[in-house]
Amino acid sequence: MQFLGAMRGQGTLTSSDDGQDYGSAEYDIDGFRNDKGETMASGELRLDPDRLALAFGRRDLRLQTEGGVSLDVRFSAKQMPVGTDAAHIDITGGLPAPKDWRR
């Protein structure tokens, strides 16, 4: 695995199926390239606890970053503790090219 860099900042979490807006989110994502040359990324998403609870478990989430990147997001865990404002995420689409990651 090769570390490509990180993406950190603010964005808006929405549902791509019904347009539900979950509000402003903070993200911290690390990108990697595996032995097959595929880019993958995962990290942490922070959001108001009530809004995070509403979004948790959905498979149609999109994070629109302030920089204009649209990332497809899914939660890694099966369950989320009540009242938490952070969750681990995997990015399943929309990743920048390896050369565009910040180190």
N, C-alpha and C. Protein backbone atom coordinates (compact mmCIF):
# COMPACT_ATOMS: atom_id res chain seq x y z
N MET A 1 0.84 -1.18 0.00
CA MET A 1 0.00 0.00 0.00
C MET A 1 0.88 1.24 0.00
N GLN A 2 0.46 2.21 -0.78
CA GLN A 2 1.16 3.48 -0.85
C GLN A 2 0.24 4.58 -0.33
N PHE A 3 0.71 5.33 0.65
CA PHE A 3 -0.04 6.47 1.17
C PHE A 3 -0.01 7.59 0.14
N LEU A 4 -1.19 8.09 -0.24
CA LEU A 4 -1.28 9.16 -1.24
C LEU A 4 -1.36 10.54 -0.61
N GLY A 5 -1.99 10.61 0.55
CA GLY A 5 -2.17 11.90 1.20
C GLY A 5 -3.50 11.96 1.93
N ALA A 6 -3.87 13.17 2.30
CA ALA A 6 -5.08 13.35 3.10
C ALA A 6 -5.98 14.42 2.50
N MET A 7 -7.25 14.30 2.81
CA MET A 7 -8.24 15.32 2.49
C MET A 7 -8.90 15.69 3.82
N ARG A 8 -8.87 16.95 4.16
CA ARG A 8 -9.48 17.41 5.41
C ARG A 8 -10.24 18.69 5.13
N GLY A 9 -11.35 18.85 5.83
CA GLY A 9 -12.09 20.10 5.66
C GLY A 9 -13.55 19.98 6.01
N GLN A 10 -14.33 20.88 5.43
CA GLN A 10 -15.77 20.95 5.64
C GLN A 10 -16.49 20.57 4.35
N GLY A 11 -17.68 20.05 4.52
CA GLY A 11 -18.49 19.72 3.36
C GLY A 11 -19.94 19.59 3.79
N THR A 12 -20.76 19.16 2.86
CA THR A 12 -22.19 18.95 3.12
C THR A 12 -22.52 17.50 2.80
N LEU A 13 -23.17 16.82 3.73
CA LEU A 13 -23.56 15.43 3.55
C LEU A 13 -25.01 15.39 3.07
N THR A 14 -25.23 14.71 1.95
CA THR A 14 -26.58 14.58 1.40
C THR A 14 -26.82 13.14 0.96
N SER A 15 -28.08 12.85 0.68
CA SER A 15 -28.47 11.57 0.10
C SER A 15 -28.57 11.75 -1.40
N SER A 16 -27.95 10.88 -2.17
CA SER A 16 -28.03 10.99 -3.62
C SER A 16 -29.37 10.47 -4.16
N ASP A 17 -30.09 9.64 -3.39
CA ASP A 17 -31.37 9.11 -3.86
C ASP A 17 -32.52 10.10 -3.71
N ASP A 18 -32.66 10.68 -2.52
CA ASP A 18 -33.83 11.54 -2.28
C ASP A 18 -33.46 13.00 -1.99
N GLY A 19 -32.17 13.33 -2.03
CA GLY A 19 -31.74 14.71 -1.84
C GLY A 19 -31.77 15.19 -0.40
N GLN A 20 -32.00 14.29 0.55
CA GLN A 20 -32.01 14.65 1.97
C GLN A 20 -30.69 15.34 2.32
N ASP A 21 -30.76 16.49 2.98
CA ASP A 21 -29.58 17.25 3.38
C ASP A 21 -29.35 17.02 4.87
N TYR A 22 -28.17 16.47 5.21
CA TYR A 22 -27.84 16.20 6.61
C TYR A 22 -27.00 17.30 7.24
N GLY A 23 -26.66 18.30 6.45
CA GLY A 23 -25.98 19.47 6.98
C GLY A 23 -24.48 19.45 6.81
N SER A 24 -23.87 20.42 7.47
CA SER A 24 -22.43 20.62 7.39
C SER A 24 -21.70 19.54 8.16
N ALA A 25 -20.67 18.99 7.53
CA ALA A 25 -19.88 17.92 8.13
C ALA A 25 -18.40 18.26 8.04
N GLU A 26 -17.66 17.77 8.98
CA GLU A 26 -16.20 17.90 8.99
C GLU A 26 -15.65 16.52 8.63
N TYR A 27 -14.62 16.48 7.79
CA TYR A 27 -14.08 15.18 7.39
C TYR A 27 -12.56 15.18 7.46
N ASP A 28 -12.02 13.98 7.66
CA ASP A 28 -10.57 13.74 7.70
C ASP A 28 -10.37 12.37 7.04
N ILE A 29 -9.89 12.38 5.80
CA ILE A 29 -9.82 11.18 4.98
C ILE A 29 -8.39 10.95 4.52
N ASP A 30 -7.92 9.71 4.60
CA ASP A 30 -6.61 9.31 4.10
C ASP A 30 -6.79 8.46 2.84
N GLY A 31 -5.97 8.73 1.84
CA GLY A 31 -6.03 7.98 0.58
C GLY A 31 -4.82 7.08 0.40
N PHE A 32 -5.06 5.94 -0.25
CA PHE A 32 -4.03 4.95 -0.49
C PHE A 32 -4.18 4.35 -1.89
N ARG A 33 -3.09 3.84 -2.42
CA ARG A 33 -3.12 3.07 -3.66
C ARG A 33 -2.67 1.66 -3.30
N ASN A 34 -3.47 0.66 -3.67
CA ASN A 34 -3.09 -0.72 -3.33
C ASN A 34 -2.17 -1.31 -4.40
N ASP A 35 -1.79 -2.56 -4.22
CA ASP A 35 -0.85 -3.23 -5.13
C ASP A 35 -1.38 -3.38 -6.55
N LYS A 36 -2.69 -3.29 -6.71
CA LYS A 36 -3.31 -3.39 -8.04
C LYS A 36 -3.44 -2.02 -8.71
N GLY A 37 -3.00 -0.97 -8.00
CA GLY A 37 -3.08 0.38 -8.55
C GLY A 37 -4.40 1.07 -8.30
N GLU A 38 -5.27 0.46 -7.51
CA GLU A 38 -6.58 1.05 -7.20
C GLU A 38 -6.45 2.06 -6.07
N THR A 39 -7.18 3.16 -6.19
CA THR A 39 -7.20 4.17 -5.15
C THR A 39 -8.34 3.87 -4.19
N MET A 40 -8.06 3.96 -2.90
CA MET A 40 -9.07 3.75 -1.87
C MET A 40 -8.86 4.77 -0.77
N ALA A 41 -9.91 5.03 -0.02
CA ALA A 41 -9.80 6.02 1.05
C ALA A 41 -10.78 5.71 2.16
N SER A 42 -10.40 6.13 3.37
CA SER A 42 -11.28 6.00 4.53
C SER A 42 -10.88 7.07 5.52
N GLY A 43 -11.74 7.28 6.50
CA GLY A 43 -11.44 8.28 7.50
C GLY A 43 -12.58 8.50 8.46
N GLU A 44 -12.69 9.73 8.94
CA GLU A 44 -13.69 10.07 9.94
C GLU A 44 -14.57 11.22 9.45
N LEU A 45 -15.84 11.11 9.76
CA LEU A 45 -16.82 12.14 9.45
C LEU A 45 -17.43 12.62 10.77
N ARG A 46 -17.48 13.94 10.96
CA ARG A 46 -18.09 14.53 12.16
C ARG A 46 -19.30 15.35 11.73
N LEU A 47 -20.39 15.15 12.46
CA LEU A 47 -21.66 15.76 12.11
C LEU A 47 -22.49 15.87 13.38
N ASP A 48 -23.44 16.79 13.41
CA ASP A 48 -24.36 16.89 14.52
C ASP A 48 -24.88 15.49 14.87
N PRO A 49 -24.86 15.09 16.16
CA PRO A 49 -25.24 13.72 16.53
C PRO A 49 -26.62 13.28 16.02
N ASP A 50 -27.61 14.16 16.06
CA ASP A 50 -28.95 13.78 15.59
C ASP A 50 -28.96 13.54 14.08
N ARG A 51 -28.26 14.39 13.36
CA ARG A 51 -28.19 14.24 11.89
C ARG A 51 -27.36 13.02 11.51
N LEU A 52 -26.30 12.77 12.26
CA LEU A 52 -25.48 11.59 12.01
C LEU A 52 -26.30 10.31 12.22
N ALA A 53 -27.10 10.29 13.25
CA ALA A 53 -27.96 9.13 13.52
C ALA A 53 -28.95 8.90 12.38
N LEU A 54 -29.47 9.98 11.80
CA LEU A 54 -30.41 9.85 10.67
C LEU A 54 -29.72 9.30 9.42
N ALA A 55 -28.49 9.71 9.20
CA ALA A 55 -27.75 9.30 8.00
C ALA A 55 -27.14 7.91 8.14
N PHE A 56 -26.83 7.50 9.36
CA PHE A 56 -26.09 6.26 9.59
C PHE A 56 -26.80 5.07 8.97
N GLY A 57 -26.04 4.28 8.23
CA GLY A 57 -26.56 3.07 7.63
C GLY A 57 -27.03 3.24 6.19
N ARG A 58 -27.22 4.46 5.75
CA ARG A 58 -27.66 4.68 4.37
C ARG A 58 -26.52 4.34 3.41
N ARG A 59 -26.87 3.87 2.23
CA ARG A 59 -25.89 3.49 1.22
C ARG A 59 -25.84 4.48 0.05
N ASP A 60 -26.53 5.60 0.18
CA ASP A 60 -26.64 6.55 -0.93
C ASP A 60 -26.13 7.94 -0.54
N LEU A 61 -25.12 7.98 0.31
CA LEU A 61 -24.65 9.26 0.83
C LEU A 61 -23.55 9.86 -0.03
N ARG A 62 -23.59 11.17 -0.12
CA ARG A 62 -22.59 11.92 -0.89
C ARG A 62 -22.10 13.07 -0.02
N LEU A 63 -20.78 13.25 0.01
CA LEU A 63 -20.16 14.36 0.71
C LEU A 63 -19.63 15.33 -0.34
N GLN A 64 -20.22 16.52 -0.36
CA GLN A 64 -19.78 17.58 -1.27
C GLN A 64 -18.81 18.45 -0.50
N THR A 65 -17.54 18.44 -0.89
CA THR A 65 -16.54 19.20 -0.16
C THR A 65 -16.59 20.67 -0.58
N GLU A 66 -16.03 21.53 0.27
CA GLU A 66 -15.95 22.95 -0.06
C GLU A 66 -15.12 23.18 -1.32
N GLY A 67 -14.22 22.26 -1.61
CA GLY A 67 -13.38 22.36 -2.80
C GLY A 67 -14.04 21.87 -4.07
N GLY A 68 -15.31 21.43 -3.97
CA GLY A 68 -16.06 21.02 -5.15
C GLY A 68 -15.98 19.54 -5.50
N VAL A 69 -15.35 18.74 -4.66
CA VAL A 69 -15.26 17.30 -4.90
C VAL A 69 -16.50 16.63 -4.33
N SER A 70 -17.09 15.70 -5.08
CA SER A 70 -18.26 14.96 -4.63
C SER A 70 -17.85 13.51 -4.36
N LEU A 71 -17.87 13.12 -3.09
CA LEU A 71 -17.42 11.79 -2.67
C LEU A 71 -18.60 10.92 -2.28
N ASP A 72 -18.60 9.68 -2.75
CA ASP A 72 -19.60 8.71 -2.32
C ASP A 72 -19.11 8.10 -1.02
N VAL A 73 -19.98 8.09 -0.01
CA VAL A 73 -19.60 7.73 1.36
C VAL A 73 -20.46 6.57 1.86
N ARG A 74 -19.84 5.66 2.60
CA ARG A 74 -20.60 4.65 3.35
C ARG A 74 -19.96 4.51 4.71
N PHE A 75 -20.76 4.18 5.69
CA PHE A 75 -20.26 4.00 7.05
C PHE A 75 -19.64 2.61 7.18
N SER A 76 -18.53 2.53 7.88
CA SER A 76 -17.81 1.28 8.04
C SER A 76 -18.42 0.37 9.10
N ALA A 77 -18.93 0.96 10.16
CA ALA A 77 -19.44 0.19 11.29
C ALA A 77 -20.88 -0.28 11.05
N LYS A 78 -21.25 -1.32 11.76
CA LYS A 78 -22.62 -1.83 11.69
C LYS A 78 -23.53 -1.07 12.66
N GLN A 79 -22.96 -0.58 13.76
CA GLN A 79 -23.73 0.14 14.76
C GLN A 79 -22.98 1.40 15.16
N MET A 80 -23.74 2.38 15.63
CA MET A 80 -23.15 3.63 16.07
C MET A 80 -23.62 3.92 17.49
N PRO A 81 -22.70 4.27 18.39
CA PRO A 81 -23.11 4.61 19.75
C PRO A 81 -24.05 5.83 19.75
N VAL A 82 -25.05 5.79 20.58
CA VAL A 82 -26.02 6.89 20.69
C VAL A 82 -25.31 8.16 21.15
N GLY A 83 -25.63 9.28 20.51
CA GLY A 83 -25.11 10.58 20.91
C GLY A 83 -23.74 10.93 20.38
N THR A 84 -23.13 10.04 19.61
CA THR A 84 -21.80 10.35 19.08
C THR A 84 -21.90 11.31 17.90
N ASP A 85 -20.85 12.08 17.69
CA ASP A 85 -20.84 13.02 16.57
C ASP A 85 -19.80 12.63 15.52
N ALA A 86 -19.21 11.43 15.63
CA ALA A 86 -18.18 11.00 14.69
C ALA A 86 -18.40 9.54 14.29
N ALA A 87 -18.08 9.25 13.04
CA ALA A 87 -18.19 7.88 12.54
C ALA A 87 -17.09 7.62 11.52
N HIS A 88 -16.64 6.38 11.46
CA HIS A 88 -15.64 5.98 10.48
C HIS A 88 -16.35 5.75 9.15
N ILE A 89 -15.73 6.24 8.07
CA ILE A 89 -16.34 6.12 6.74
C ILE A 89 -15.34 5.52 5.74
N ASP A 90 -15.90 4.92 4.69
CA ASP A 90 -15.14 4.49 3.53
C ASP A 90 -15.64 5.32 2.36
N ILE A 91 -14.74 5.70 1.48
CA ILE A 91 -15.11 6.45 0.29
C ILE A 91 -15.19 5.45 -0.85
N THR A 92 -16.35 5.37 -1.49
CA THR A 92 -16.57 4.35 -2.52
C THR A 92 -16.59 4.93 -3.93
N GLY A 93 -16.48 6.22 -4.07
CA GLY A 93 -16.46 6.82 -5.39
C GLY A 93 -16.16 8.30 -5.33
N GLY A 94 -15.68 8.83 -6.46
CA GLY A 94 -15.41 10.25 -6.54
C GLY A 94 -14.04 10.67 -6.09
N LEU A 95 -13.15 9.72 -5.85
CA LEU A 95 -11.82 10.05 -5.35
C LEU A 95 -10.97 10.76 -6.39
N PRO A 96 -10.16 11.70 -5.94
CA PRO A 96 -9.25 12.38 -6.87
C PRO A 96 -8.17 11.41 -7.38
N ALA A 97 -7.56 11.79 -8.47
CA ALA A 97 -6.44 11.01 -9.01
C ALA A 97 -5.30 11.00 -8.00
N PRO A 98 -4.47 9.96 -7.99
CA PRO A 98 -3.37 9.86 -7.03
C PRO A 98 -2.50 11.12 -6.98
N LYS A 99 -2.24 11.77 -8.09
CA LYS A 99 -1.38 12.95 -8.11
C LYS A 99 -2.01 14.17 -7.45
N ASP A 100 -3.32 14.13 -7.22
CA ASP A 100 -4.04 15.28 -6.68
C ASP A 100 -4.22 15.26 -5.16
N TRP A 101 -3.67 14.26 -4.49
CA TRP A 101 -3.77 14.20 -3.03
C TRP A 101 -2.71 15.08 -2.41
N ARG A 102 -3.05 15.71 -1.25
CA ARG A 102 -2.10 16.55 -0.52
C ARG A 102 -1.37 15.71 0.52
N ARG A 103 -0.09 15.87 0.60
CA ARG A 103 0.69 15.16 1.61
C ARG A 103 0.98 16.04 2.77
